[in-house]
Amino acid sequence: MMETDDKLIKSFFENNRKEIKDQGFTQKVIKQLPKKPNLLGKIIIIIATLVALIFFIAYDGFLGVIYLLRDLYVFLAQNTTIYSDPKTIIIAILVLCILGIRKVFSMV
């Protein structure tokens, strides 16, 4: 049944195909598209990332993250009935960090 329907649809579109004249429309659209990101944009992203990293290190961001993760683990251990292995949580955090880093570098 599906094959018959697919064949009917395919034959319908093949028999009723009509070419639409472009008349330069495609070139007009391409000219209106934004250009590739310029060097200034990349420099701004790199500088902002470096400033954020400096603030993170200067204000003990690592210590804050460690405390946050510890508190999160304690909360989950006390309030869930599901056993959560610390190794599993560490692996999940590492995977999320790797995905985040890949996303940041894909934007540059």
C-alpha atoms as a PDB file:
ATOM      1  CA  MET A   1       0.000   0.000   0.000  1.00  0.00           C
ATOM      2  CA  MET A   2       2.726   2.471   0.959  1.00  0.00           C
ATOM      3  CA  GLU A   3       4.800   1.608  -2.099  1.00  0.00           C
ATOM      4  CA  THR A   4       1.802   2.212  -4.362  1.00  0.00           C
ATOM      5  CA  ASP A   5       1.128   5.555  -2.726  1.00  0.00           C
ATOM      6  CA  ASP A   6       4.796   6.528  -3.020  1.00  0.00           C
ATOM      7  CA  LYS A   7       4.807   5.608  -6.699  1.00  0.00           C
ATOM      8  CA  LEU A   8       1.620   7.599  -7.318  1.00  0.00           C
ATOM      9  CA  ILE A   9       2.998  10.643  -5.551  1.00  0.00           C
ATOM     10  CA  LYS A  10       6.307  10.397  -7.399  1.00  0.00           C
ATOM     11  CA  SER A  11       4.619  10.073 -10.782  1.00  0.00           C
ATOM     12  CA  PHE A  12       2.291  12.993  -9.999  1.00  0.00           C
ATOM     13  CA  PHE A  13       5.185  15.301  -9.200  1.00  0.00           C
ATOM     14  CA  GLU A  14       7.186  14.128 -12.211  1.00  0.00           C
ATOM     15  CA  ASN A  15       4.263  14.788 -14.564  1.00  0.00           C
ATOM     16  CA  ASN A  16       3.366  18.165 -13.055  1.00  0.00           C
ATOM     17  CA  ARG A  17       6.850  19.627 -12.677  1.00  0.00           C
ATOM     18  CA  LYS A  18       7.043  23.281 -13.685  1.00  0.00           C
ATOM     19  CA  GLU A  19      10.138  25.428 -13.846  1.00  0.00           C
ATOM     20  CA  ILE A  20       9.882  28.802 -12.183  1.00  0.00           C
ATOM     21  CA  LYS A  21      11.897  31.602 -13.749  1.00  0.00           C
ATOM     22  CA  ASP A  22      14.459  32.987 -11.327  1.00  0.00           C
ATOM     23  CA  GLN A  23      14.877  36.423 -12.935  1.00  0.00           C
ATOM     24  CA  GLY A  24      17.876  37.230 -10.737  1.00  0.00           C
ATOM     25  CA  PHE A  25      16.034  36.594  -7.461  1.00  0.00           C
ATOM     26  CA  THR A  26      18.675  34.182  -6.132  1.00  0.00           C
ATOM     27  CA  GLN A  27      21.493  36.675  -6.704  1.00  0.00           C
ATOM     28  CA  LYS A  28      19.537  39.424  -4.930  1.00  0.00           C
ATOM     29  CA  VAL A  29      18.985  37.182  -1.919  1.00  0.00           C
ATOM     30  CA  ILE A  30      22.639  36.132  -1.801  1.00  0.00           C
ATOM     31  CA  LYS A  31      23.733  39.781  -1.865  1.00  0.00           C
ATOM     32  CA  GLN A  32      21.429  40.517   1.094  1.00  0.00           C
ATOM     33  CA  LEU A  33      22.841  37.713   3.256  1.00  0.00           C
ATOM     34  CA  PRO A  34      25.190  38.830   6.038  1.00  0.00           C
ATOM     35  CA  LYS A  35      28.871  38.525   5.301  1.00  0.00           C
ATOM     36  CA  LYS A  36      31.177  36.189   7.189  1.00  0.00           C
ATOM     37  CA  PRO A  37      32.041  37.362  10.709  1.00  0.00           C
ATOM     38  CA  ASN A  38      34.840  39.863  10.614  1.00  0.00           C
ATOM     39  CA  LEU A  39      38.091  39.802  12.524  1.00  0.00           C
ATOM     40  CA  LEU A  40      36.882  42.427  15.009  1.00  0.00           C
ATOM     41  CA  GLY A  41      34.063  40.164  16.169  1.00  0.00           C
ATOM     42  CA  LYS A  42      36.459  37.295  16.789  1.00  0.00           C
ATOM     43  CA  ILE A  43      38.827  39.567  18.707  1.00  0.00           C
ATOM     44  CA  ILE A  44      35.978  40.827  20.910  1.00  0.00           C
ATOM     45  CA  ILE A  45      34.916  37.252  21.704  1.00  0.00           C
ATOM     46  CA  ILE A  46      38.481  36.253  22.602  1.00  0.00           C
ATOM     47  CA  ILE A  47      39.003  39.326  24.810  1.00  0.00           C
ATOM     48  CA  ALA A  48      35.672  38.821  26.588  1.00  0.00           C
ATOM     49  CA  THR A  49      36.523  35.161  27.191  1.00  0.00           C
ATOM     50  CA  LEU A  50      39.924  36.065  28.608  1.00  0.00           C
ATOM     51  CA  VAL A  51      38.424  38.744  30.887  1.00  0.00           C
ATOM     52  CA  ALA A  52      35.811  36.265  32.140  1.00  0.00           C
ATOM     53  CA  LEU A  53      38.536  33.680  32.762  1.00  0.00           C
ATOM     54  CA  ILE A  54      40.647  36.215  34.678  1.00  0.00           C
ATOM     55  CA  PHE A  55      37.682  37.165  36.881  1.00  0.00           C
ATOM     56  CA  PHE A  56      36.876  33.491  37.419  1.00  0.00           C
ATOM     57  CA  ILE A  57      40.408  32.782  38.617  1.00  0.00           C
ATOM     58  CA  ALA A  58      40.770  36.049  40.593  1.00  0.00           C
ATOM     59  CA  TYR A  59      37.587  35.507  42.585  1.00  0.00           C
ATOM     60  CA  ASP A  60      38.188  31.810  43.351  1.00  0.00           C
ATOM     61  CA  GLY A  61      35.726  30.489  40.823  1.00  0.00           C
ATOM     62  CA  PHE A  62      37.164  26.995  41.103  1.00  0.00           C
ATOM     63  CA  LEU A  63      36.517  26.940  44.830  1.00  0.00           C
ATOM     64  CA  GLY A  64      32.952  28.128  44.256  1.00  0.00           C
ATOM     65  CA  VAL A  65      32.358  25.399  41.699  1.00  0.00           C
ATOM     66  CA  ILE A  66      33.768  22.769  44.041  1.00  0.00           C
ATOM     67  CA  TYR A  67      31.508  23.960  46.888  1.00  0.00           C
ATOM     68  CA  LEU A  68      28.518  24.023  44.566  1.00  0.00           C
ATOM     69  CA  LEU A  69      29.173  20.486  43.364  1.00  0.00           C
ATOM     70  CA  ARG A  70      29.727  19.248  46.905  1.00  0.00           C
ATOM     71  CA  ASP A  71      26.479  20.822  48.087  1.00  0.00           C
ATOM     72  CA  LEU A  72      24.657  19.426  45.073  1.00  0.00           C
ATOM     73  CA  TYR A  73      25.964  15.938  45.759  1.00  0.00           C
ATOM     74  CA  VAL A  74      25.000  16.145  49.436  1.00  0.00           C
ATOM     75  CA  PHE A  75      21.528  17.387  48.488  1.00  0.00           C
ATOM     76  CA  LEU A  76      21.045  14.591  45.982  1.00  0.00           C
ATOM     77  CA  ALA A  77      22.362  11.971  48.394  1.00  0.00           C
ATOM     78  CA  GLN A  78      19.985  13.107  51.142  1.00  0.00           C
ATOM     79  CA  ASN A  79      16.875  13.753  49.052  1.00  0.00           C
ATOM     80  CA  THR A  80      16.777  11.010  46.450  1.00  0.00           C
ATOM     81  CA  THR A  81      16.063   7.349  46.703  1.00  0.00           C
ATOM     82  CA  ILE A  82      18.127   6.609  43.605  1.00  0.00           C
ATOM     83  CA  TYR A  83      21.695   5.578  44.319  1.00  0.00           C
ATOM     84  CA  SER A  84      24.083   8.057  42.748  1.00  0.00           C
ATOM     85  CA  ASP A  85      27.686   6.997  42.416  1.00  0.00           C
ATOM     86  CA  PRO A  86      30.213   9.864  42.668  1.00  0.00           C
ATOM     87  CA  LYS A  87      32.020   8.511  39.584  1.00  0.00           C
ATOM     88  CA  THR A  88      28.829   8.830  37.544  1.00  0.00           C
ATOM     89  CA  ILE A  89      28.355  12.442  38.587  1.00  0.00           C
ATOM     90  CA  ILE A  90      31.999  13.258  37.799  1.00  0.00           C
ATOM     91  CA  ILE A  91      31.702  11.672  34.354  1.00  0.00           C
ATOM     92  CA  ALA A  92      28.501  13.613  33.667  1.00  0.00           C
ATOM     93  CA  ILE A  93      30.164  16.879  34.711  1.00  0.00           C
ATOM     94  CA  LEU A  94      33.194  16.170  32.512  1.00  0.00           C
ATOM     95  CA  VAL A  95      30.972  15.415  29.525  1.00  0.00           C
ATOM     96  CA  LEU A  96      29.039  18.649  30.052  1.00  0.00           C
ATOM     97  CA  CYS A  97      32.298  20.616  30.335  1.00  0.00           C
ATOM     98  CA  ILE A  98      33.650  19.083  27.132  1.00  0.00           C
ATOM     99  CA  LEU A  99      30.417  19.879  25.291  1.00  0.00           C
ATOM    100  CA  GLY A 100      30.518  23.442  26.605  1.00  0.00           C
ATOM    101  CA  ILE A 101      34.124  23.921  25.528  1.00  0.00           C
ATOM    102  CA  ARG A 102      33.360  22.537  22.054  1.00  0.00           C
ATOM    103  CA  LYS A 103      30.422  24.959  21.767  1.00  0.00           C
ATOM    104  CA  VAL A 104      32.596  27.934  22.760  1.00  0.00           C
ATOM    105  CA  PHE A 105      35.310  27.027  20.268  1.00  0.00           C
ATOM    106  CA  SER A 106      32.766  26.450  17.509  1.00  0.00           C
ATOM    107  CA  MET A 107      31.638  30.073  17.868  1.00  0.00           C
ATOM    108  CA  VAL A 108      35.131  31.479  17.358  1.00  0.00           C
END
